[in-house]
Structures are given as structure tokens and as C-alpha cells.
Amino acid sequence: QVQLVESGGGLVQPGGSLRLSCAASGRIFSINAMGWYRQAPGKQRELVASITSGDTTDYADSVKGRFTISRDNAKNTVYLQMNNLKPEDTAVYLCNAEGLILLSFRPFKVWGQGTLVTVSS
């Protein structure tokens, strides 16, 4: 009933920047929080950044000062501005959203399919 569409991944050189977007659509009454996670082969999925409806943000220590998460509530979209990218940032980045389904008010938590970010010279 709710879907996420991610975009913005690609190949970038170390020190470069990318901007990821994640748009939620479907039977959405409200979104409480959205976030970005990443997963590399052989590694655990980790939280990169999250933002709540009250604009509370949280970042992984490894990206603080380099990444910025923001949202556009009218578009049900969350963004991740990634600056000064490092090779260790290479991973599949996945968007997550949680909230309530329209009319039924049933809670939901959904994941996007992921977008690949490769940082290499």
C-alpha cells in the first residue's frame, strides 16, 4: 500500500558529492520518520541518517559533518546530501519510511529497493 522510489546513486570520485532522493507514495495518512540505511557485502545494514516528523535528526558517527538529511513533507520525500565522499561510503543505500496507512491508520514500515553508491578513483 506504500512504496518508496529511490534515486541519485552512481559512481563518484573520492571527495565528490551525491544527492539521494526517496519519494513515498500510496495510501499514506502520515509519515512519522524516514531514514537512509546502507549495506555493503558482508556487512550489517547500518543507519546512516534519519529524520522525524518533528525534524529530529540522527547520523552515524562516520558521516557526521559530511552528510545532511532533509525532507519535504508535501512531497513525502527525504533527501540525503552526501559530501566529501570516501571509498568506505560505497554501499547500497536503502530508504526507509514509517507511518500510518490512510483511513485504516494501520502502522507501516517499508523499504525501498536501494540505490548503489560507488566511491572510487
Protein backbone atom coordinates (compact mmCIF):
# COMPACT_ATOMS: atom_id res chain seq x y z
CA GLN A 1 0.00 0.00 0.00
CA VAL A 2 3.04 2.24 0.39
CA GLN A 3 6.00 2.28 -1.95
CA LEU A 4 9.36 4.03 -1.91
CA VAL A 5 11.28 5.09 -5.00
CA GLU A 6 14.95 5.94 -4.60
CA SER A 7 17.20 7.79 -6.99
CA GLY A 8 20.52 9.59 -7.16
CA GLY A 9 23.05 6.82 -6.74
CA GLY A 10 26.01 6.39 -9.03
CA LEU A 11 29.76 6.43 -9.39
CA VAL A 12 31.68 9.32 -7.88
CA GLN A 13 35.32 10.06 -7.11
CA PRO A 14 36.57 10.41 -3.54
CA GLY A 15 35.81 13.89 -2.29
CA GLY A 16 32.83 14.21 -4.60
CA SER A 17 29.16 14.65 -3.79
CA LEU A 18 25.86 12.95 -4.48
CA ARG A 19 22.29 13.74 -3.55
CA LEU A 20 19.93 10.84 -2.94
CA SER A 21 16.16 11.16 -3.08
CA CYS A 22 13.44 8.89 -1.74
CA ALA A 23 9.79 9.52 -2.53
CA ALA A 24 6.98 7.70 -0.73
CA SER A 25 3.65 7.12 -2.40
CA GLY A 26 0.45 5.18 -1.80
CA ARG A 27 -2.18 5.14 0.88
CA ILE A 28 -0.34 7.37 3.32
CA PHE A 29 -2.05 9.19 6.15
CA SER A 30 1.13 10.36 7.78
CA ILE A 31 4.84 9.64 7.88
CA ASN A 32 6.46 9.69 11.29
CA ALA A 33 10.04 9.17 10.21
CA MET A 34 12.19 8.49 7.17
CA GLY A 35 15.77 7.42 7.01
CA TRP A 36 18.66 6.17 4.97
CA TYR A 37 20.49 2.93 5.65
CA ARG A 38 23.38 1.36 3.82
CA GLN A 39 24.67 -2.15 3.35
CA ALA A 40 27.89 -3.40 1.81
CA PRO A 41 28.64 -7.08 1.05
CA GLY A 42 29.48 -8.97 4.21
CA LYS A 43 28.49 -6.10 6.45
CA GLN A 44 25.49 -5.38 8.62
CA ARG A 45 22.92 -2.90 7.45
CA GLU A 46 23.55 0.33 9.32
CA LEU A 47 21.66 3.53 9.88
CA VAL A 48 23.22 6.42 8.00
CA ALA A 49 20.76 9.18 8.87
CA SER A 50 17.15 9.59 9.92
CA ILE A 51 14.67 12.39 10.35
CA THR A 52 11.37 12.50 12.21
CA SER A 53 8.22 14.49 11.57
CA GLY A 54 9.46 16.85 14.26
CA ASP A 55 12.73 17.38 12.35
CA THR A 56 14.83 15.48 14.85
CA THR A 57 17.85 14.09 13.00
CA ASP A 58 20.30 11.34 13.77
CA TYR A 59 23.53 10.47 11.97
CA ALA A 60 26.06 7.70 12.06
CA ASP A 61 29.33 8.92 13.52
CA SER A 62 31.12 8.05 10.30
CA VAL A 63 29.07 10.55 8.27
CA LYS A 64 28.61 13.42 10.71
CA GLY A 65 29.73 16.67 9.18
CA ARG A 66 29.64 15.21 5.66
CA PHE A 67 26.04 14.08 5.11
CA THR A 68 22.84 16.04 5.62
CA ILE A 69 19.35 14.57 5.70
CA SER A 70 16.32 16.72 4.90
CA ARG A 71 12.68 16.24 3.97
CA ASP A 72 9.84 17.77 2.00
CA ASN A 73 6.66 16.75 3.78
CA ALA A 74 4.39 17.97 0.98
CA LYS A 75 6.10 15.57 -1.41
CA ASN A 76 6.64 12.77 1.13
CA THR A 77 10.26 12.86 0.09
CA VAL A 78 13.51 12.60 2.01
CA TYR A 79 16.91 13.62 0.70
CA LEU A 80 20.46 12.74 1.64
CA GLN A 81 23.14 15.20 0.60
CA MET A 82 26.44 13.36 0.64
CA ASN A 83 29.59 15.48 0.55
CA ASN A 84 33.28 14.60 0.74
CA LEU A 85 32.53 11.01 -0.13
CA LYS A 86 35.05 8.35 0.82
CA PRO A 87 35.63 4.86 -0.60
CA GLU A 88 34.25 3.37 2.62
CA ASP A 89 30.92 5.03 1.82
CA THR A 90 30.48 2.57 -1.05
CA ALA A 91 27.31 0.58 -0.42
CA VAL A 92 23.73 0.06 -1.43
CA TYR A 93 21.75 2.84 0.18
CA LEU A 94 18.20 1.98 1.21
CA CYS A 95 15.41 4.31 2.15
CA ASN A 96 13.01 3.54 4.99
CA ALA A 97 9.74 5.15 5.97
CA GLU A 98 7.28 4.51 8.76
CA GLY A 99 3.90 5.99 9.47
CA LEU A 100 0.17 5.32 9.23
CA ILE A 101 -1.94 4.00 6.36
CA LEU A 102 -4.68 6.26 5.06
CA LEU A 103 -8.16 5.68 6.56
CA SER A 104 -7.25 2.48 8.41
CA PHE A 105 -4.48 4.22 10.39
CA ARG A 106 -2.60 0.94 10.38
CA PRO A 107 1.11 1.46 11.02
CA PHE A 108 3.53 0.71 8.21
CA LYS A 109 7.24 0.35 7.75
CA VAL A 110 8.55 0.00 4.21
CA TRP A 111 11.89 -0.21 2.47
CA GLY A 112 12.99 0.88 -0.95
CA GLN A 113 14.92 -1.44 -3.24
CA GLY A 114 18.12 0.50 -2.78
CA THR A 115 20.40 2.62 -4.92
CA LEU A 116 24.08 1.84 -5.39
CA VAL A 117 26.69 4.41 -4.44
CA THR A 118 30.23 3.66 -5.58
CA VAL A 119 33.09 5.90 -4.47
CA SER A 120 36.23 5.14 -6.42
CA SER A 121 39.04 6.88 -8.25
